[in-house]
């Protein structure tokens, strides 16, 4: 019951601060009264629950929500922020790695996601002799939903 109380308490404090920022429009802090801030608040609540209450299954959704909140927030407030699908796999890869520190599960999957992310994000700036790599990622971007369905089906129905 203590885990639920601390999780709920953090969410209520975070949502209260969010609405307070919206209500008073403090100049510097007014950029945080957008919907990605709610993702950040939920992510922090999950991470706090995961680390302080030793509920390690909360680490993964905490990192994903916090990462998505930061990503969407940075997309609206920073011109230099990368708007590429590789950012989503990078967030998921970090979530696997942080969870694996406490549970010893998912480190390889996290590293695979991070490697794919870096290769996809940097494929834009690679030299011409590496154009085959860009061709592979263009094809993956075209057919990735089918690829996800196939991989998910294999994982689900494999005995």
C-alpha atoms as a PDB file:
ATOM      1  CA  UNK A   1       0.000   0.000   0.000  1.00  0.00           C
ATOM      2  CA  UNK A   2       2.949   2.323   0.660  1.00  0.00           C
ATOM      3  CA  UNK A   3       4.025   2.052  -3.004  1.00  0.00           C
ATOM      4  CA  UNK A   4       0.599   3.137  -4.210  1.00  0.00           C
ATOM      5  CA  UNK A   5       0.482   6.054  -1.780  1.00  0.00           C
ATOM      6  CA  UNK A   6       3.873   7.435  -2.819  1.00  0.00           C
ATOM      7  CA  UNK A   7       3.074   6.970  -6.516  1.00  0.00           C
ATOM      8  CA  UNK A   8      -0.295   8.712  -6.153  1.00  0.00           C
ATOM      9  CA  UNK A   9       1.266  11.456  -4.020  1.00  0.00           C
ATOM     10  CA  UNK A  10       3.910  12.258  -6.629  1.00  0.00           C
ATOM     11  CA  UNK A  11       1.333  12.312  -9.410  1.00  0.00           C
ATOM     12  CA  UNK A  12      -0.950  14.648  -7.447  1.00  0.00           C
ATOM     13  CA  UNK A  13       1.938  17.000  -6.578  1.00  0.00           C
ATOM     14  CA  UNK A  14       3.118  17.010 -10.208  1.00  0.00           C
ATOM     15  CA  UNK A  15      -0.339  17.623 -11.650  1.00  0.00           C
ATOM     16  CA  UNK A  16      -0.902  20.354  -9.039  1.00  0.00           C
ATOM     17  CA  UNK A  17       2.327  22.094 -10.083  1.00  0.00           C
ATOM     18  CA  UNK A  18       1.314  21.696 -13.735  1.00  0.00           C
ATOM     19  CA  UNK A  19      -2.051  23.422 -13.196  1.00  0.00           C
ATOM     20  CA  UNK A  20      -0.413  26.065 -11.009  1.00  0.00           C
ATOM     21  CA  UNK A  21       1.961  26.870 -13.882  1.00  0.00           C
ATOM     22  CA  UNK A  22      -1.002  27.129 -16.251  1.00  0.00           C
ATOM     23  CA  UNK A  23      -2.960  29.340 -13.886  1.00  0.00           C
ATOM     24  CA  UNK A  24      -0.258  31.908 -13.092  1.00  0.00           C
ATOM     25  CA  UNK A  25       1.711  31.952 -16.393  1.00  0.00           C
ATOM     26  CA  UNK A  26       5.123  32.616 -14.843  1.00  0.00           C
ATOM     27  CA  UNK A  27       7.239  33.881 -17.787  1.00  0.00           C
ATOM     28  CA  UNK A  28      10.147  31.410 -17.692  1.00  0.00           C
ATOM     29  CA  UNK A  29       8.083  28.454 -16.500  1.00  0.00           C
ATOM     30  CA  UNK A  30       5.137  29.010 -18.865  1.00  0.00           C
ATOM     31  CA  UNK A  31       6.825  26.826 -21.477  1.00  0.00           C
ATOM     32  CA  UNK A  32       6.185  23.862 -19.175  1.00  0.00           C
ATOM     33  CA  UNK A  33       2.383  24.159 -19.218  1.00  0.00           C
ATOM     34  CA  UNK A  34       2.050  21.898 -22.271  1.00  0.00           C
ATOM     35  CA  UNK A  35       0.913  18.291 -22.576  1.00  0.00           C
ATOM     36  CA  UNK A  36       4.464  16.803 -22.714  1.00  0.00           C
ATOM     37  CA  UNK A  37       4.901  18.033 -19.143  1.00  0.00           C
ATOM     38  CA  UNK A  38       2.232  15.546 -18.058  1.00  0.00           C
ATOM     39  CA  UNK A  39       4.305  12.750 -19.616  1.00  0.00           C
ATOM     40  CA  UNK A  40       7.355  14.028 -17.736  1.00  0.00           C
ATOM     41  CA  UNK A  41       5.406  14.106 -14.453  1.00  0.00           C
ATOM     42  CA  UNK A  42       4.137  10.550 -14.958  1.00  0.00           C
ATOM     43  CA  UNK A  43       7.630   9.382 -15.902  1.00  0.00           C
ATOM     44  CA  UNK A  44       9.136  10.916 -12.777  1.00  0.00           C
ATOM     45  CA  UNK A  45       6.427   9.296 -10.650  1.00  0.00           C
ATOM     46  CA  UNK A  46       7.152   5.873 -12.155  1.00  0.00           C
ATOM     47  CA  UNK A  47      10.908   6.340 -11.723  1.00  0.00           C
ATOM     48  CA  UNK A  48      10.514   7.465  -8.127  1.00  0.00           C
ATOM     49  CA  UNK A  49       8.333   4.437  -7.464  1.00  0.00           C
ATOM     50  CA  UNK A  50      10.831   2.175  -9.212  1.00  0.00           C
ATOM     51  CA  UNK A  51      13.928   3.374  -7.399  1.00  0.00           C
ATOM     52  CA  UNK A  52      12.744   4.474  -3.959  1.00  0.00           C
ATOM     53  CA  UNK A  53      10.127   1.774  -3.387  1.00  0.00           C
ATOM     54  CA  UNK A  54      12.244  -0.923  -5.109  1.00  0.00           C
ATOM     55  CA  UNK A  55       9.417  -1.637  -7.543  1.00  0.00           C
ATOM     56  CA  UNK A  56      11.810  -2.184 -10.465  1.00  0.00           C
ATOM     57  CA  UNK A  57       9.100  -2.915 -13.036  1.00  0.00           C
ATOM     58  CA  UNK A  58       8.190   0.786 -12.864  1.00  0.00           C
ATOM     59  CA  UNK A  59      11.575   1.844 -14.220  1.00  0.00           C
ATOM     60  CA  UNK A  60      10.807   0.913 -17.835  1.00  0.00           C
ATOM     61  CA  UNK A  61       7.548   2.887 -18.194  1.00  0.00           C
ATOM     62  CA  UNK A  62       9.115   5.720 -16.193  1.00  0.00           C
ATOM     63  CA  UNK A  63      12.014   6.108 -18.614  1.00  0.00           C
ATOM     64  CA  UNK A  64       9.731   5.781 -21.650  1.00  0.00           C
ATOM     65  CA  UNK A  65       7.261   8.406 -20.401  1.00  0.00           C
ATOM     66  CA  UNK A  66       9.998  10.758 -19.215  1.00  0.00           C
ATOM     67  CA  UNK A  67      11.925  10.322 -22.468  1.00  0.00           C
ATOM     68  CA  UNK A  68       8.869  10.914 -24.642  1.00  0.00           C
ATOM     69  CA  UNK A  69       7.916  13.963 -22.596  1.00  0.00           C
ATOM     70  CA  UNK A  70      11.393  15.445 -22.942  1.00  0.00           C
ATOM     71  CA  UNK A  71      11.478  14.580 -26.652  1.00  0.00           C
ATOM     72  CA  UNK A  72       8.126  16.186 -27.464  1.00  0.00           C
ATOM     73  CA  UNK A  73       8.932  19.165 -25.276  1.00  0.00           C
ATOM     74  CA  UNK A  74      12.289  19.662 -26.989  1.00  0.00           C
ATOM     75  CA  UNK A  75      10.683  19.352 -30.438  1.00  0.00           C
ATOM     76  CA  UNK A  76       8.512  22.372 -29.705  1.00  0.00           C
ATOM     77  CA  UNK A  77      11.162  24.481 -27.959  1.00  0.00           C
ATOM     78  CA  UNK A  78      14.444  23.658 -29.729  1.00  0.00           C
ATOM     79  CA  UNK A  79      15.246  24.025 -33.393  1.00  0.00           C
ATOM     80  CA  UNK A  80      18.288  21.737 -33.135  1.00  0.00           C
ATOM     81  CA  UNK A  81      16.410  18.786 -31.632  1.00  0.00           C
ATOM     82  CA  UNK A  82      16.384  15.689 -33.845  1.00  0.00           C
ATOM     83  CA  UNK A  83      12.957  14.786 -35.214  1.00  0.00           C
ATOM     84  CA  UNK A  84      13.657  11.224 -36.351  1.00  0.00           C
ATOM     85  CA  UNK A  85      12.090   7.856 -35.577  1.00  0.00           C
ATOM     86  CA  UNK A  86      15.441   6.743 -34.180  1.00  0.00           C
ATOM     87  CA  UNK A  87      14.779   8.886 -31.113  1.00  0.00           C
ATOM     88  CA  UNK A  88      11.909   6.593 -30.083  1.00  0.00           C
ATOM     89  CA  UNK A  89      14.028   3.456 -30.275  1.00  0.00           C
ATOM     90  CA  UNK A  90      16.772   5.314 -28.407  1.00  0.00           C
ATOM     91  CA  UNK A  91      14.347   6.073 -25.552  1.00  0.00           C
ATOM     92  CA  UNK A  92      13.199   2.451 -25.446  1.00  0.00           C
ATOM     93  CA  UNK A  93      16.813   1.256 -25.499  1.00  0.00           C
ATOM     94  CA  UNK A  94      17.672   3.469 -22.522  1.00  0.00           C
ATOM     95  CA  UNK A  95      14.575   2.188 -20.715  1.00  0.00           C
ATOM     96  CA  UNK A  96      15.747  -1.402 -21.167  1.00  0.00           C
ATOM     97  CA  UNK A  97      19.269  -0.523 -20.005  1.00  0.00           C
ATOM     98  CA  UNK A  98      18.158   1.311 -16.865  1.00  0.00           C
ATOM     99  CA  UNK A  99      15.765  -1.475 -15.945  1.00  0.00           C
ATOM    100  CA  UNK A 100      18.481  -4.069 -16.556  1.00  0.00           C
ATOM    101  CA  UNK A 101      20.659  -2.411 -13.904  1.00  0.00           C
ATOM    102  CA  UNK A 102      18.184  -3.509 -11.249  1.00  0.00           C
ATOM    103  CA  UNK A 103      16.654  -6.662 -12.760  1.00  0.00           C
ATOM    104  CA  UNK A 104      19.547  -8.094 -14.827  1.00  0.00           C
ATOM    105  CA  UNK A 105      17.141  -8.547 -17.751  1.00  0.00           C
ATOM    106  CA  UNK A 106      16.992  -6.767 -21.097  1.00  0.00           C
ATOM    107  CA  UNK A 107      20.521  -5.414 -21.437  1.00  0.00           C
ATOM    108  CA  UNK A 108      21.090  -7.021 -24.844  1.00  0.00           C
ATOM    109  CA  UNK A 109      17.733  -5.783 -26.150  1.00  0.00           C
ATOM    110  CA  UNK A 110      18.533  -2.294 -24.887  1.00  0.00           C
ATOM    111  CA  UNK A 111      21.918  -2.288 -26.592  1.00  0.00           C
ATOM    112  CA  UNK A 112      20.354  -3.495 -29.848  1.00  0.00           C
ATOM    113  CA  UNK A 113      17.792  -0.679 -29.717  1.00  0.00           C
ATOM    114  CA  UNK A 114      20.488   1.910 -29.011  1.00  0.00           C
ATOM    115  CA  UNK A 115      22.725   0.652 -31.820  1.00  0.00           C
ATOM    116  CA  UNK A 116      19.807   0.707 -34.270  1.00  0.00           C
ATOM    117  CA  UNK A 117      18.959   4.230 -33.121  1.00  0.00           C
ATOM    118  CA  UNK A 118      22.464   5.581 -33.592  1.00  0.00           C
ATOM    119  CA  UNK A 119      22.787   3.918 -36.980  1.00  0.00           C
ATOM    120  CA  UNK A 120      19.424   5.294 -38.112  1.00  0.00           C
ATOM    121  CA  UNK A 121      20.022   8.815 -36.809  1.00  0.00           C
ATOM    122  CA  UNK A 122      23.532   9.061 -38.220  1.00  0.00           C
ATOM    123  CA  UNK A 123      22.601   7.526 -41.588  1.00  0.00           C
ATOM    124  CA  UNK A 124      21.622  11.018 -42.735  1.00  0.00           C
ATOM    125  CA  UNK A 125      25.196  12.330 -42.424  1.00  0.00           C
ATOM    126  CA  UNK A 126      27.098   9.281 -43.728  1.00  0.00           C
ATOM    127  CA  UNK A 127      29.361   9.503 -46.796  1.00  0.00           C
ATOM    128  CA  UNK A 128      28.282   8.355 -50.277  1.00  0.00           C
ATOM    129  CA  UNK A 129      30.143   5.046 -50.115  1.00  0.00           C
ATOM    130  CA  UNK A 130      27.814   4.142 -47.238  1.00  0.00           C
ATOM    131  CA  UNK A 131      24.649   4.799 -49.278  1.00  0.00           C
ATOM    132  CA  UNK A 132      23.612   1.130 -49.130  1.00  0.00           C
ATOM    133  CA  UNK A 133      23.011   1.630 -45.430  1.00  0.00           C
ATOM    134  CA  UNK A 134      20.640   4.499 -46.130  1.00  0.00           C
ATOM    135  CA  UNK A 135      18.837   2.333 -48.718  1.00  0.00           C
ATOM    136  CA  UNK A 136      18.324  -0.404 -46.110  1.00  0.00           C
ATOM    137  CA  UNK A 137      16.820   2.066 -43.632  1.00  0.00           C
ATOM    138  CA  UNK A 138      14.551   3.586 -46.295  1.00  0.00           C
ATOM    139  CA  UNK A 139      13.218   0.091 -46.975  1.00  0.00           C
ATOM    140  CA  UNK A 140      12.848  -0.583 -43.253  1.00  0.00           C
ATOM    141  CA  UNK A 141      10.938   2.671 -42.829  1.00  0.00           C
ATOM    142  CA  UNK A 142       8.587   1.594 -45.614  1.00  0.00           C
ATOM    143  CA  UNK A 143       7.918  -1.902 -44.303  1.00  0.00           C
ATOM    144  CA  UNK A 144       8.529  -1.601 -40.543  1.00  0.00           C
ATOM    145  CA  UNK A 145       4.886  -2.149 -39.537  1.00  0.00           C
ATOM    146  CA  UNK A 146       4.903  -5.500 -41.322  1.00  0.00           C
ATOM    147  CA  UNK A 147       8.265  -6.313 -39.757  1.00  0.00           C
ATOM    148  CA  UNK A 148       6.900  -5.497 -36.294  1.00  0.00           C
ATOM    149  CA  UNK A 149       3.851  -7.716 -36.897  1.00  0.00           C
ATOM    150  CA  UNK A 150       6.081 -10.596 -38.010  1.00  0.00           C
ATOM    151  CA  UNK A 151       8.484 -10.288 -35.079  1.00  0.00           C
ATOM    152  CA  UNK A 152       5.604  -9.949 -32.619  1.00  0.00           C
ATOM    153  CA  UNK A 153       3.880 -13.012 -34.089  1.00  0.00           C
ATOM    154  CA  UNK A 154       7.070 -15.058 -33.861  1.00  0.00           C
ATOM    155  CA  UNK A 155       7.585 -14.049 -30.248  1.00  0.00           C
ATOM    156  CA  UNK A 156       3.940 -14.674 -29.369  1.00  0.00           C
ATOM    157  CA  UNK A 157       3.461 -18.018 -31.084  1.00  0.00           C
ATOM    158  CA  UNK A 158       6.966 -19.510 -30.747  1.00  0.00           C
ATOM    159  CA  UNK A 159       6.997 -22.497 -28.423  1.00  0.00           C
END
